[in-house]
Amino acid sequence: MDHIVTVQDAVTAFADFMEPTDAELDAIEREMPVILADVDLLDAYIVTLDRTPTELDARRIRRARRRALAARVALLNRTAPTSLPGGAA
């Protein structure tokens, strides 16, 4: 007799306890500006995949790169603790 164990895996794969927690959803919400900036940067790169980048493309990539970096810095500034451990001055 063969036991079918994959049916149980398929049934429990989408169980309620597998949903993201409120803390995880809050973390995603905090990181959303970084995610969107990264998507814009990828879009700028994708545009130049099948052609030689023009000066306008290069400016678009530079702007998107600066926005992505600014979003990451803003996220770090919001989540960084006020004092760092180790006593560095």
C-alpha atoms as a PDB file:
ATOM      1  CA  MET A   1       0.000   0.000   0.000  1.00  0.00           C
ATOM      2  CA  ASP A   2       1.387   3.398  -0.986  1.00  0.00           C
ATOM      3  CA  HIS A   3       0.748   6.358   1.246  1.00  0.00           C
ATOM      4  CA  ILE A   4       0.085   9.693  -0.410  1.00  0.00           C
ATOM      5  CA  VAL A   5       1.726  12.326   1.750  1.00  0.00           C
ATOM      6  CA  THR A   6       1.830  15.083  -0.838  1.00  0.00           C
ATOM      7  CA  VAL A   7      -1.897  15.656  -0.433  1.00  0.00           C
ATOM      8  CA  GLN A   8      -1.344  16.747   3.157  1.00  0.00           C
ATOM      9  CA  ASP A   9       1.447  19.089   2.067  1.00  0.00           C
ATOM     10  CA  ALA A  10      -0.806  20.628  -0.574  1.00  0.00           C
ATOM     11  CA  VAL A  11      -3.617  21.121   1.927  1.00  0.00           C
ATOM     12  CA  THR A  12      -1.451  22.630   4.671  1.00  0.00           C
ATOM     13  CA  ALA A  13       0.667  24.747   2.324  1.00  0.00           C
ATOM     14  CA  PHE A  14      -1.953  27.502   2.371  1.00  0.00           C
ATOM     15  CA  ALA A  15      -3.098  27.195   5.965  1.00  0.00           C
ATOM     16  CA  ASP A  16      -3.942  30.284   8.003  1.00  0.00           C
ATOM     17  CA  PHE A  17      -0.790  30.020  10.099  1.00  0.00           C
ATOM     18  CA  MET A  18       1.287  30.519   6.942  1.00  0.00           C
ATOM     19  CA  GLU A  19       0.008  34.072   6.432  1.00  0.00           C
ATOM     20  CA  PRO A  20       2.371  36.970   7.156  1.00  0.00           C
ATOM     21  CA  THR A  21       2.111  38.438  10.612  1.00  0.00           C
ATOM     22  CA  ASP A  22       1.202  42.057  11.296  1.00  0.00           C
ATOM     23  CA  ALA A  23       4.852  42.773  12.093  1.00  0.00           C
ATOM     24  CA  GLU A  24       5.950  41.351   8.736  1.00  0.00           C
ATOM     25  CA  LEU A  25       3.329  43.399   6.902  1.00  0.00           C
ATOM     26  CA  ASP A  26       4.474  46.519   8.760  1.00  0.00           C
ATOM     27  CA  ALA A  27       8.083  45.798   7.750  1.00  0.00           C
ATOM     28  CA  ILE A  28       7.037  45.450   4.116  1.00  0.00           C
ATOM     29  CA  GLU A  29       5.136  48.738   4.361  1.00  0.00           C
ATOM     30  CA  ARG A  30       8.224  50.482   5.804  1.00  0.00           C
ATOM     31  CA  GLU A  31      10.398  49.076   3.013  1.00  0.00           C
ATOM     32  CA  MET A  32       7.948  49.893   0.203  1.00  0.00           C
ATOM     33  CA  PRO A  33       9.740  53.131  -0.876  1.00  0.00           C
ATOM     34  CA  VAL A  34      12.972  51.138  -1.268  1.00  0.00           C
ATOM     35  CA  ILE A  35      11.173  48.410  -3.212  1.00  0.00           C
ATOM     36  CA  LEU A  36       9.555  50.916  -5.562  1.00  0.00           C
ATOM     37  CA  ALA A  37      12.841  52.764  -6.091  1.00  0.00           C
ATOM     38  CA  ASP A  38      14.543  49.466  -6.932  1.00  0.00           C
ATOM     39  CA  VAL A  39      11.762  48.658  -9.412  1.00  0.00           C
ATOM     40  CA  ASP A  40      12.323  52.037 -11.098  1.00  0.00           C
ATOM     41  CA  LEU A  41      16.045  51.320 -11.298  1.00  0.00           C
ATOM     42  CA  LEU A  42      15.403  47.908 -12.836  1.00  0.00           C
ATOM     43  CA  ASP A  43      13.009  49.492 -15.331  1.00  0.00           C
ATOM     44  CA  ALA A  44      15.720  51.943 -16.336  1.00  0.00           C
ATOM     45  CA  TYR A  45      18.162  49.085 -16.868  1.00  0.00           C
ATOM     46  CA  ILE A  46      15.624  46.978 -18.777  1.00  0.00           C
ATOM     47  CA  VAL A  47      14.999  49.795 -21.260  1.00  0.00           C
ATOM     48  CA  THR A  48      18.669  49.729 -22.248  1.00  0.00           C
ATOM     49  CA  LEU A  49      19.019  45.954 -22.628  1.00  0.00           C
ATOM     50  CA  ASP A  50      18.257  45.758 -26.334  1.00  0.00           C
ATOM     51  CA  ARG A  51      19.874  48.980 -27.502  1.00  0.00           C
ATOM     52  CA  THR A  52      22.838  51.218 -26.951  1.00  0.00           C
ATOM     53  CA  PRO A  53      22.041  53.559 -24.056  1.00  0.00           C
ATOM     54  CA  THR A  54      21.609  57.186 -25.030  1.00  0.00           C
ATOM     55  CA  GLU A  55      22.494  60.148 -22.848  1.00  0.00           C
ATOM     56  CA  LEU A  56      18.845  60.317 -21.784  1.00  0.00           C
ATOM     57  CA  ASP A  57      18.976  56.649 -20.732  1.00  0.00           C
ATOM     58  CA  ALA A  58      22.156  57.275 -18.757  1.00  0.00           C
ATOM     59  CA  ARG A  59      20.505  60.194 -16.948  1.00  0.00           C
ATOM     60  CA  ARG A  60      17.452  58.083 -16.201  1.00  0.00           C
ATOM     61  CA  ILE A  61      19.647  55.354 -14.707  1.00  0.00           C
ATOM     62  CA  ARG A  62      21.612  57.874 -12.644  1.00  0.00           C
ATOM     63  CA  ARG A  63      18.411  59.442 -11.313  1.00  0.00           C
ATOM     64  CA  ALA A  64      16.926  56.041 -10.497  1.00  0.00           C
ATOM     65  CA  ARG A  65      20.157  54.993  -8.787  1.00  0.00           C
ATOM     66  CA  ARG A  66      20.155  58.181  -6.678  1.00  0.00           C
ATOM     67  CA  ARG A  67      16.484  57.657  -5.745  1.00  0.00           C
ATOM     68  CA  ALA A  68      17.172  54.055  -4.730  1.00  0.00           C
ATOM     69  CA  LEU A  69      20.131  55.124  -2.614  1.00  0.00           C
ATOM     70  CA  ALA A  70      18.141  57.953  -1.016  1.00  0.00           C
ATOM     71  CA  ALA A  71      15.298  55.560  -0.194  1.00  0.00           C
ATOM     72  CA  ARG A  72      17.736  53.136   1.441  1.00  0.00           C
ATOM     73  CA  VAL A  73      19.344  55.937   3.469  1.00  0.00           C
ATOM     74  CA  ALA A  74      15.918  57.186   4.572  1.00  0.00           C
ATOM     75  CA  LEU A  75      14.941  53.678   5.652  1.00  0.00           C
ATOM     76  CA  LEU A  76      18.161  53.251   7.605  1.00  0.00           C
ATOM     77  CA  ASN A  77      17.737  56.630   9.262  1.00  0.00           C
ATOM     78  CA  ARG A  78      14.214  55.721  10.351  1.00  0.00           C
ATOM     79  CA  THR A  79      15.132  52.281  11.702  1.00  0.00           C
ATOM     80  CA  ALA A  80      18.589  52.987  13.175  1.00  0.00           C
ATOM     81  CA  PRO A  81      18.762  53.135  16.947  1.00  0.00           C
ATOM     82  CA  THR A  82      19.636  56.502  18.428  1.00  0.00           C
ATOM     83  CA  SER A  83      22.804  55.217  20.075  1.00  0.00           C
ATOM     84  CA  LEU A  84      25.085  52.565  18.699  1.00  0.00           C
ATOM     85  CA  PRO A  85      26.470  49.848  20.972  1.00  0.00           C
ATOM     86  CA  GLY A  86      30.191  49.716  21.606  1.00  0.00           C
ATOM     87  CA  GLY A  87      30.710  53.237  22.887  1.00  0.00           C
ATOM     88  CA  ALA A  88      32.130  54.634  19.658  1.00  0.00           C
ATOM     89  CA  ALA A  89      32.260  58.403  19.748  1.00  0.00           C
END
